[in-house]
Amino acid sequence: MNTTYESVWDAIEDSPQERTNLRLRSELMLEIARDIRRNGWTQVEAAQKCGISQPRVNDLLRGKITKFSLDSLVNIATTLGHTVRVLVEV
């Protein structure tokens, strides 16, 4: 039997809290990675701009989501000049 999921996070995580956290982290990681690529930065340059180490940049560019907290990604994004907003729907 095939199961259809609304998102990839629904397929890999049962907890709605963790699904939301994973989705937000992935969105931030994608935007930060886009910024790095758009600017043509090397990993060393990106590390300096982001305020993190080069190995952390490597992890980010490789999508290693479990290595990053939501807080750390918000900090990186704001360091790069992004405004991060959270929308809560009821």
PDB file of N, CA and C in Angstrom:
ATOM      1  N   MET A   1       0.833  -1.179   0.000  1.00  0.00           N
ATOM      2  CA  MET A   1       0.000   0.000   0.000  1.00  0.00           C
ATOM      3  C   MET A   1       0.881   1.246   0.000  1.00  0.00           C
ATOM      4  N   ASN A   2       0.569   2.202  -0.862  1.00  0.00           N
ATOM      5  CA  ASN A   2       1.311   3.451  -0.948  1.00  0.00           C
ATOM      6  C   ASN A   2       0.679   4.493  -0.047  1.00  0.00           C
ATOM      7  N   THR A   3       1.518   5.216   0.648  1.00  0.00           N
ATOM      8  CA  THR A   3       1.050   6.298   1.496  1.00  0.00           C
ATOM      9  C   THR A   3       1.478   7.613   0.872  1.00  0.00           C
ATOM     10  N   THR A   4       0.566   8.572   0.818  1.00  0.00           N
ATOM     11  CA  THR A   4       0.866   9.889   0.283  1.00  0.00           C
ATOM     12  C   THR A   4       1.010  10.864   1.443  1.00  0.00           C
ATOM     13  N   TYR A   5       2.069  11.661   1.373  1.00  0.00           N
ATOM     14  CA  TYR A   5       2.332  12.641   2.418  1.00  0.00           C
ATOM     15  C   TYR A   5       2.253  14.039   1.833  1.00  0.00           C
ATOM     16  N   GLU A   6       1.856  14.973   2.682  1.00  0.00           N
ATOM     17  CA  GLU A   6       1.757  16.362   2.259  1.00  0.00           C
ATOM     18  C   GLU A   6       3.132  16.970   2.014  1.00  0.00           C
ATOM     19  N   SER A   7       4.115  16.567   2.806  1.00  0.00           N
ATOM     20  CA  SER A   7       5.481  17.060   2.629  1.00  0.00           C
ATOM     21  C   SER A   7       6.465  15.956   2.988  1.00  0.00           C
ATOM     22  N   VAL A   8       7.705  16.154   2.591  1.00  0.00           N
ATOM     23  CA  VAL A   8       8.747  15.178   2.912  1.00  0.00           C
ATOM     24  C   VAL A   8       8.902  15.038   4.425  1.00  0.00           C
ATOM     25  N   TRP A   9       8.690  16.127   5.150  1.00  0.00           N
ATOM     26  CA  TRP A   9       8.849  16.091   6.611  1.00  0.00           C
ATOM     27  C   TRP A   9       7.773  15.224   7.258  1.00  0.00           C
ATOM     28  N   ASP A  10       6.578  15.181   6.667  1.00  0.00           N
ATOM     29  CA  ASP A  10       5.519  14.305   7.177  1.00  0.00           C
ATOM     30  C   ASP A  10       5.930  12.842   7.064  1.00  0.00           C
ATOM     31  N   ALA A  11       6.685  12.528   6.023  1.00  0.00           N
ATOM     32  CA  ALA A  11       7.092  11.144   5.783  1.00  0.00           C
ATOM     33  C   ALA A  11       8.175  10.678   6.750  1.00  0.00           C
ATOM     34  N   ILE A  12       9.013  11.595   7.215  1.00  0.00           N
ATOM     35  CA  ILE A  12      10.147  11.161   8.046  1.00  0.00           C
ATOM     36  C   ILE A  12      10.017  11.496   9.521  1.00  0.00           C
ATOM     37  N   GLU A  13       9.015  12.294   9.880  1.00  0.00           N
ATOM     38  CA  GLU A  13       8.891  12.690  11.285  1.00  0.00           C
ATOM     39  C   GLU A  13       7.436  12.635  11.724  1.00  0.00           C
ATOM     40  N   ASP A  14       7.166  11.911  12.812  1.00  0.00           N
ATOM     41  CA  ASP A  14       5.800  11.780  13.324  1.00  0.00           C
ATOM     42  C   ASP A  14       5.340  13.005  14.110  1.00  0.00           C
ATOM     43  N   SER A  15       6.246  13.637  14.815  1.00  0.00           N
ATOM     44  CA  SER A  15       5.902  14.760  15.679  1.00  0.00           C
ATOM     45  C   SER A  15       5.651  16.027  14.863  1.00  0.00           C
ATOM     46  N   PRO A  16       4.474  16.656  15.031  1.00  0.00           N
ATOM     47  CA  PRO A  16       4.213  17.896  14.298  1.00  0.00           C
ATOM     48  C   PRO A  16       5.192  19.008  14.682  1.00  0.00           C
ATOM     49  N   GLN A  17       5.645  19.001  15.923  1.00  0.00           N
ATOM     50  CA  GLN A  17       6.607  20.009  16.365  1.00  0.00           C
ATOM     51  C   GLN A  17       7.938  19.839  15.637  1.00  0.00           C
ATOM     52  N   GLU A  18       8.407  18.612  15.567  1.00  0.00           N
ATOM     53  CA  GLU A  18       9.686  18.354  14.904  1.00  0.00           C
ATOM     54  C   GLU A  18       9.572  18.570  13.393  1.00  0.00           C
ATOM     55  N   ARG A  19       8.427  18.227  12.800  1.00  0.00           N
ATOM     56  CA  ARG A  19       8.219  18.486  11.367  1.00  0.00           C
ATOM     57  C   ARG A  19       8.339  19.975  11.064  1.00  0.00           C
ATOM     58  N   THR A  20       7.699  20.785  11.893  1.00  0.00           N
ATOM     59  CA  THR A  20       7.750  22.235  11.701  1.00  0.00           C
ATOM     60  C   THR A  20       9.174  22.747  11.855  1.00  0.00           C
ATOM     61  N   ASN A  21       9.871  22.257  12.869  1.00  0.00           N
ATOM     62  CA  ASN A  21      11.251  22.671  13.098  1.00  0.00           C
ATOM     63  C   ASN A  21      12.136  22.295  11.909  1.00  0.00           C
ATOM     64  N   LEU A  22      11.987  21.086  11.398  1.00  0.00           N
ATOM     65  CA  LEU A  22      12.765  20.643  10.242  1.00  0.00           C
ATOM     66  C   LEU A  22      12.463  21.492   9.007  1.00  0.00           C
ATOM     67  N   ARG A  23      11.200  21.796   8.797  1.00  0.00           N
ATOM     68  CA  ARG A  23      10.808  22.606   7.639  1.00  0.00           C
ATOM     69  C   ARG A  23      11.437  23.994   7.716  1.00  0.00           C
ATOM     70  N   LEU A  24      11.362  24.613   8.890  1.00  0.00           N
ATOM     71  CA  LEU A  24      11.937  25.948   9.054  1.00  0.00           C
ATOM     72  C   LEU A  24      13.453  25.931   8.887  1.00  0.00           C
ATOM     73  N   ARG A  25      14.096  24.923   9.462  1.00  0.00           N
ATOM     74  CA  ARG A  25      15.553  24.821   9.312  1.00  0.00           C
ATOM     75  C   ARG A  25      15.937  24.621   7.853  1.00  0.00           C
ATOM     76  N   SER A  26      15.191  23.780   7.143  1.00  0.00           N
ATOM     77  CA  SER A  26      15.527  23.537   5.732  1.00  0.00           C
ATOM     78  C   SER A  26      15.336  24.800   4.899  1.00  0.00           C
ATOM     79  N   GLU A  27      14.282  25.569   5.163  1.00  0.00           N
ATOM     80  CA  GLU A  27      14.062  26.815   4.426  1.00  0.00           C
ATOM     81  C   GLU A  27      15.205  27.795   4.660  1.00  0.00           C
ATOM     82  N   LEU A  28      15.629  27.926   5.909  1.00  0.00           N
ATOM     83  CA  LEU A  28      16.741  28.825   6.216  1.00  0.00           C
ATOM     84  C   LEU A  28      18.040  28.344   5.583  1.00  0.00           C
ATOM     85  N   MET A  29      18.299  27.047   5.662  1.00  0.00           N
ATOM     86  CA  MET A  29      19.520  26.506   5.066  1.00  0.00           C
ATOM     87  C   MET A  29      19.547  26.748   3.559  1.00  0.00           C
ATOM     88  N   LEU A  30      18.424  26.540   2.896  1.00  0.00           N
ATOM     89  CA  LEU A  30      18.357  26.768   1.450  1.00  0.00           C
ATOM     90  C   LEU A  30      18.620  28.225   1.105  1.00  0.00           C
ATOM     91  N   GLU A  31      18.043  29.132   1.861  1.00  0.00           N
ATOM     92  CA  GLU A  31      18.229  30.557   1.584  1.00  0.00           C
ATOM     93  C   GLU A  31      19.672  30.986   1.837  1.00  0.00           C
ATOM     94  N   ILE A  32      20.270  30.505   2.902  1.00  0.00           N
ATOM     95  CA  ILE A  32      21.669  30.835   3.192  1.00  0.00           C
ATOM     96  C   ILE A  32      22.576  30.265   2.102  1.00  0.00           C
ATOM     97  N   ALA A  33      22.343  29.029   1.702  1.00  0.00           N
ATOM     98  CA  ALA A  33      23.146  28.404   0.640  1.00  0.00           C
ATOM     99  C   ALA A  33      22.987  29.163  -0.676  1.00  0.00           C
ATOM    100  N   ARG A  34      21.766  29.594  -0.991  1.00  0.00           N
ATOM    101  CA  ARG A  34      21.533  30.391  -2.207  1.00  0.00           C
ATOM    102  C   ARG A  34      22.348  31.685  -2.160  1.00  0.00           C
ATOM    103  N   ASP A  35      22.345  32.315  -0.990  1.00  0.00           N
ATOM    104  CA  ASP A  35      23.082  33.563  -0.800  1.00  0.00           C
ATOM    105  C   ASP A  35      24.579  33.346  -1.041  1.00  0.00           C
ATOM    106  N   ILE A  36      25.112  32.274  -0.497  1.00  0.00           N
ATOM    107  CA  ILE A  36      26.536  31.955  -0.666  1.00  0.00           C
ATOM    108  C   ILE A  36      26.845  31.738  -2.143  1.00  0.00           C
ATOM    109  N   ARG A  37      26.030  30.964  -2.819  1.00  0.00           N
ATOM    110  CA  ARG A  37      26.264  30.668  -4.242  1.00  0.00           C
ATOM    111  C   ARG A  37      26.071  31.910  -5.114  1.00  0.00           C
ATOM    112  N   ARG A  38      25.036  32.685  -4.815  1.00  0.00           N
ATOM    113  CA  ARG A  38      24.741  33.902  -5.586  1.00  0.00           C
ATOM    114  C   ARG A  38      25.911  34.891  -5.518  1.00  0.00           C
ATOM    115  N   ASN A  39      26.549  34.960  -4.353  1.00  0.00           N
ATOM    116  CA  ASN A  39      27.681  35.863  -4.173  1.00  0.00           C
ATOM    117  C   ASN A  39      29.000  35.273  -4.662  1.00  0.00           C
ATOM    118  N   GLY A  40      29.001  33.992  -4.993  1.00  0.00           N
ATOM    119  CA  GLY A  40      30.205  33.354  -5.499  1.00  0.00           C
ATOM    120  C   GLY A  40      31.310  33.205  -4.467  1.00  0.00           C
ATOM    121  N   TRP A  41      30.917  33.137  -3.194  1.00  0.00           N
ATOM    122  CA  TRP A  41      31.908  33.022  -2.128  1.00  0.00           C
ATOM    123  C   TRP A  41      32.495  31.621  -2.070  1.00  0.00           C
ATOM    124  N   THR A  42      33.778  31.544  -1.756  1.00  0.00           N
ATOM    125  CA  THR A  42      34.372  30.259  -1.403  1.00  0.00           C
ATOM    126  C   THR A  42      33.848  29.897  -0.021  1.00  0.00           C
ATOM    127  N   GLN A  43      34.092  28.672   0.408  1.00  0.00           N
ATOM    128  CA  GLN A  43      33.656  28.279   1.750  1.00  0.00           C
ATOM    129  C   GLN A  43      34.362  29.104   2.822  1.00  0.00           C
ATOM    130  N   VAL A  44      35.615  29.441   2.595  1.00  0.00           N
ATOM    131  CA  VAL A  44      36.356  30.262   3.564  1.00  0.00           C
ATOM    132  C   VAL A  44      35.751  31.662   3.631  1.00  0.00           C
ATOM    133  N   GLU A  45      35.449  32.250   2.473  1.00  0.00           N
ATOM    134  CA  GLU A  45      34.820  33.575   2.448  1.00  0.00           C
ATOM    135  C   GLU A  45      33.443  33.532   3.102  1.00  0.00           C
ATOM    136  N   ALA A  46      32.674  32.507   2.781  1.00  0.00           N
ATOM    137  CA  ALA A  46      31.334  32.365   3.360  1.00  0.00           C
ATOM    138  C   ALA A  46      31.417  32.232   4.875  1.00  0.00           C
ATOM    139  N   ALA A  47      32.392  31.479   5.357  1.00  0.00           N
ATOM    140  CA  ALA A  47      32.565  31.313   6.802  1.00  0.00           C
ATOM    141  C   ALA A  47      32.806  32.661   7.465  1.00  0.00           C
ATOM    142  N   GLN A  48      33.657  33.480   6.862  1.00  0.00           N
ATOM    143  CA  GLN A  48      33.940  34.809   7.415  1.00  0.00           C
ATOM    144  C   GLN A  48      32.688  35.671   7.408  1.00  0.00           C
ATOM    145  N   LYS A  49      31.943  35.646   6.318  1.00  0.00           N
ATOM    146  CA  LYS A  49      30.722  36.458   6.196  1.00  0.00           C
ATOM    147  C   LYS A  49      29.629  35.989   7.156  1.00  0.00           C
ATOM    148  N   CYS A  50      29.547  34.671   7.363  1.00  0.00           N
ATOM    149  CA  CYS A  50      28.489  34.087   8.203  1.00  0.00           C
ATOM    150  C   CYS A  50      28.854  34.060   9.684  1.00  0.00           C
ATOM    151  N   GLY A  51      30.122  34.243   9.995  1.00  0.00           N
ATOM    152  CA  GLY A  51      30.557  34.181  11.391  1.00  0.00           C
ATOM    153  C   GLY A  51      30.635  32.761  11.927  1.00  0.00           C
ATOM    154  N   ILE A  52      30.919  31.806  11.033  1.00  0.00           N
ATOM    155  CA  ILE A  52      31.046  30.403  11.431  1.00  0.00           C
ATOM    156  C   ILE A  52      32.323  29.835  10.807  1.00  0.00           C
ATOM    157  N   SER A  53      32.659  28.617  11.158  1.00  0.00           N
ATOM    158  CA  SER A  53      33.864  27.989  10.611  1.00  0.00           C
ATOM    159  C   SER A  53      33.606  27.444   9.201  1.00  0.00           C
ATOM    160  N   GLN A  54      34.684  27.223   8.462  1.00  0.00           N
ATOM    161  CA  GLN A  54      34.558  26.650   7.118  1.00  0.00           C
ATOM    162  C   GLN A  54      33.925  25.262   7.148  1.00  0.00           C
ATOM    163  N   PRO A  55      34.289  24.387   8.120  1.00  0.00           N
ATOM    164  CA  PRO A  55      33.602  23.086   8.163  1.00  0.00           C
ATOM    165  C   PRO A  55      32.083  23.217   8.371  1.00  0.00           C
ATOM    166  N   ARG A  56      31.654  24.247   9.123  1.00  0.00           N
ATOM    167  CA  ARG A  56      30.208  24.465   9.312  1.00  0.00           C
ATOM    168  C   ARG A  56      29.560  24.895   7.989  1.00  0.00           C
ATOM    169  N   VAL A  57      30.256  25.723   7.221  1.00  0.00           N
ATOM    170  CA  VAL A  57      29.743  26.109   5.904  1.00  0.00           C
ATOM    171  C   VAL A  57      29.596  24.868   5.032  1.00  0.00           C
ATOM    172  N   ASN A  58      30.587  24.003   5.060  1.00  0.00           N
ATOM    173  CA  ASN A  58      30.537  22.760   4.294  1.00  0.00           C
ATOM    174  C   ASN A  58      29.309  21.942   4.694  1.00  0.00           C
ATOM    175  N   ASP A  59      29.070  21.799   6.000  1.00  0.00           N
ATOM    176  CA  ASP A  59      27.892  21.066   6.481  1.00  0.00           C
ATOM    177  C   ASP A  59      26.604  21.706   5.968  1.00  0.00           C
ATOM    178  N   LEU A  60      26.558  23.026   6.007  1.00  0.00           N
ATOM    179  CA  LEU A  60      25.366  23.745   5.561  1.00  0.00           C
ATOM    180  C   LEU A  60      25.128  23.516   4.068  1.00  0.00           C
ATOM    181  N   LEU A  61      26.180  23.646   3.269  1.00  0.00           N
ATOM    182  CA  LEU A  61      26.038  23.475   1.822  1.00  0.00           C
ATOM    183  C   LEU A  61      25.710  22.041   1.433  1.00  0.00           C
ATOM    184  N   ARG A  62      26.068  21.095   2.276  1.00  0.00           N
ATOM    185  CA  ARG A  62      25.759  19.687   2.010  1.00  0.00           C
ATOM    186  C   ARG A  62      24.399  19.282   2.590  1.00  0.00           C
ATOM    187  N   GLY A  63      23.698  20.247   3.208  1.00  0.00           N
ATOM    188  CA  GLY A  63      22.353  19.982   3.709  1.00  0.00           C
ATOM    189  C   GLY A  63      22.295  19.148   4.972  1.00  0.00           C
ATOM    190  N   LYS A  64      23.330  19.182   5.773  1.00  0.00           N
ATOM    191  CA  LYS A  64      23.363  18.387   7.007  1.00  0.00           C
ATOM    192  C   LYS A  64      22.524  19.079   8.085  1.00  0.00           C
ATOM    193  N   ILE A  65      21.234  18.943   7.932  1.00  0.00           N
ATOM    194  CA  ILE A  65      20.265  19.676   8.749  1.00  0.00           C
ATOM    195  C   ILE A  65      20.376  19.363  10.240  1.00  0.00           C
ATOM    196  N   THR A  66      20.754  18.142  10.585  1.00  0.00           N
ATOM    197  CA  THR A  66      20.825  17.763  12.003  1.00  0.00           C
ATOM    198  C   THR A  66      21.957  18.472  12.737  1.00  0.00           C
ATOM    199  N   LYS A  67      22.870  19.082  12.010  1.00  0.00           N
ATOM    200  CA  LYS A  67      23.996  19.775  12.639  1.00  0.00           C
ATOM    201  C   LYS A  67      23.679  21.225  12.988  1.00  0.00           C
ATOM    202  N   PHE A  68      22.468  21.690  12.647  1.00  0.00           N
ATOM    203  CA  PHE A  68      22.117  23.090  12.858  1.00  0.00           C
ATOM    204  C   PHE A  68      20.810  23.227  13.629  1.00  0.00           C
ATOM    205  N   SER A  69      20.831  24.077  14.634  1.00  0.00           N
ATOM    206  CA  SER A  69      19.600  24.412  15.353  1.00  0.00           C
ATOM    207  C   SER A  69      18.915  25.558  14.616  1.00  0.00           C
ATOM    208  N   LEU A  70      17.655  25.739  14.909  1.00  0.00           N
ATOM    209  CA  LEU A  70      16.920  26.855  14.332  1.00  0.00           C
ATOM    210  C   LEU A  70      17.571  28.172  14.752  1.00  0.00           C
ATOM    211  N   ASP A  71      17.959  28.267  16.021  1.00  0.00           N
ATOM    212  CA  ASP A  71      18.618  29.476  16.526  1.00  0.00           C
ATOM    213  C   ASP A  71      19.885  29.797  15.745  1.00  0.00           C
ATOM    214  N   SER A  72      20.725  28.791  15.524  1.00  0.00           N
ATOM    215  CA  SER A  72      21.993  29.052  14.830  1.00  0.00           C
ATOM    216  C   SER A  72      21.749  29.514  13.396  1.00  0.00           C
ATOM    217  N   LEU A  73      20.751  28.957  12.735  1.00  0.00           N
ATOM    218  CA  LEU A  73      20.445  29.357  11.362  1.00  0.00           C
ATOM    219  C   LEU A  73      19.863  30.766  11.297  1.00  0.00           C
ATOM    220  N   VAL A  74      19.041  31.126  12.273  1.00  0.00           N
ATOM    221  CA  VAL A  74      18.530  32.500  12.344  1.00  0.00           C
ATOM    222  C   VAL A  74      19.701  33.460  12.532  1.00  0.00           C
ATOM    223  N   ASN A  75      20.641  33.099  13.395  1.00  0.00           N
ATOM    224  CA  ASN A  75      21.811  33.948  13.627  1.00  0.00           C
ATOM    225  C   ASN A  75      22.634  34.126  12.351  1.00  0.00           C
ATOM    226  N   ILE A  76      22.845  33.050  11.615  1.00  0.00           N
ATOM    227  CA  ILE A  76      23.609  33.131  10.363  1.00  0.00           C
ATOM    228  C   ILE A  76      22.871  34.009   9.352  1.00  0.00           C
ATOM    229  N   ALA A  77      21.582  33.779   9.206  1.00  0.00           N
ATOM    230  CA  ALA A  77      20.793  34.547   8.236  1.00  0.00           C
ATOM    231  C   ALA A  77      20.812  36.038   8.565  1.00  0.00           C
ATOM    232  N   THR A  78      20.662  36.390   9.829  1.00  0.00           N
ATOM    233  CA  THR A  78      20.670  37.807  10.196  1.00  0.00           C
ATOM    234  C   THR A  78      22.063  38.405  10.050  1.00  0.00           C
ATOM    235  N   THR A  79      23.096  37.620  10.281  1.00  0.00           N
ATOM    236  CA  THR A  79      24.462  38.089  10.051  1.00  0.00           C
ATOM    237  C   THR A  79      24.658  38.454   8.580  1.00  0.00           C
ATOM    238  N   LEU A  80      23.999  37.729   7.692  1.00  0.00           N
ATOM    239  CA  LEU A  80      24.084  38.003   6.253  1.00  0.00           C
ATOM    240  C   LEU A  80      23.150  39.132   5.811  1.00  0.00           C
ATOM    241  N   GLY A  81      22.413  39.702   6.758  1.00  0.00           N
ATOM    242  CA  GLY A  81      21.546  40.832   6.441  1.00  0.00           C
ATOM    243  C   GLY A  81      20.108  40.490   6.143  1.00  0.00           C
ATOM    244  N   HIS A  82      19.741  39.229   6.325  1.00  0.00           N
ATOM    245  CA  HIS A  82      18.356  38.823   6.093  1.00  0.00           C
ATOM    246  C   HIS A  82      17.493  39.182   7.300  1.00  0.00           C
ATOM    247  N   THR A  83      16.237  39.452   7.040  1.00  0.00           N
ATOM    248  CA  THR A  83      15.250  39.607   8.097  1.00  0.00           C
ATOM    249  C   THR A  83      14.495  38.290   8.187  1.00  0.00           C
ATOM    250  N   VAL A  84      14.446  37.717   9.379  1.00  0.00           N
ATOM    251  CA  VAL A  84      13.754  36.445   9.579  1.00  0.00           C
ATOM    252  C   VAL A  84      12.479  36.727  10.358  1.00  0.00           C
ATOM    253  N   ARG A  85      11.362  36.285   9.784  1.00  0.00           N
ATOM    254  CA  ARG A  85      10.073  36.469  10.448  1.00  0.00           C
ATOM    255  C   ARG A  85       9.418  35.113  10.632  1.00  0.00           C
ATOM    256  N   VAL A  86       8.675  34.991  11.708  1.00  0.00           N
ATOM    257  CA  VAL A  86       7.928  33.764  11.971  1.00  0.00           C
ATOM    258  C   VAL A  86       6.447  34.109  11.905  1.00  0.00           C
ATOM    259  N   LEU A  87       5.715  33.327  11.148  1.00  0.00           N
ATOM    260  CA  LEU A  87       4.276  33.523  11.019  1.00  0.00           C
ATOM    261  C   LEU A  87       3.577  32.386  11.748  1.00  0.00           C
ATOM    262  N   VAL A  88       2.750  32.740  12.705  1.00  0.00           N
ATOM    263  CA  VAL A  88       1.991  31.737  13.448  1.00  0.00           C
ATOM    264  C   VAL A  88       0.536  31.841  13.006  1.00  0.00           C
ATOM    265  N   GLU A  89       0.010  30.740  12.488  1.00  0.00           N
ATOM    266  CA  GLU A  89      -1.383  30.712  12.056  1.00  0.00           C
ATOM    267  C   GLU A  89      -2.194  29.889  13.038  1.00  0.00           C
ATOM    268  N   VAL A  90      -3.380  30.359  13.331  1.00  0.00           N
ATOM    269  CA  VAL A  90      -4.251  29.661  14.276  1.00  0.00           C
ATOM    270  C   VAL A  90      -5.425  29.085  13.529  1.00  0.00           C
TER     271      VAL A  90
END
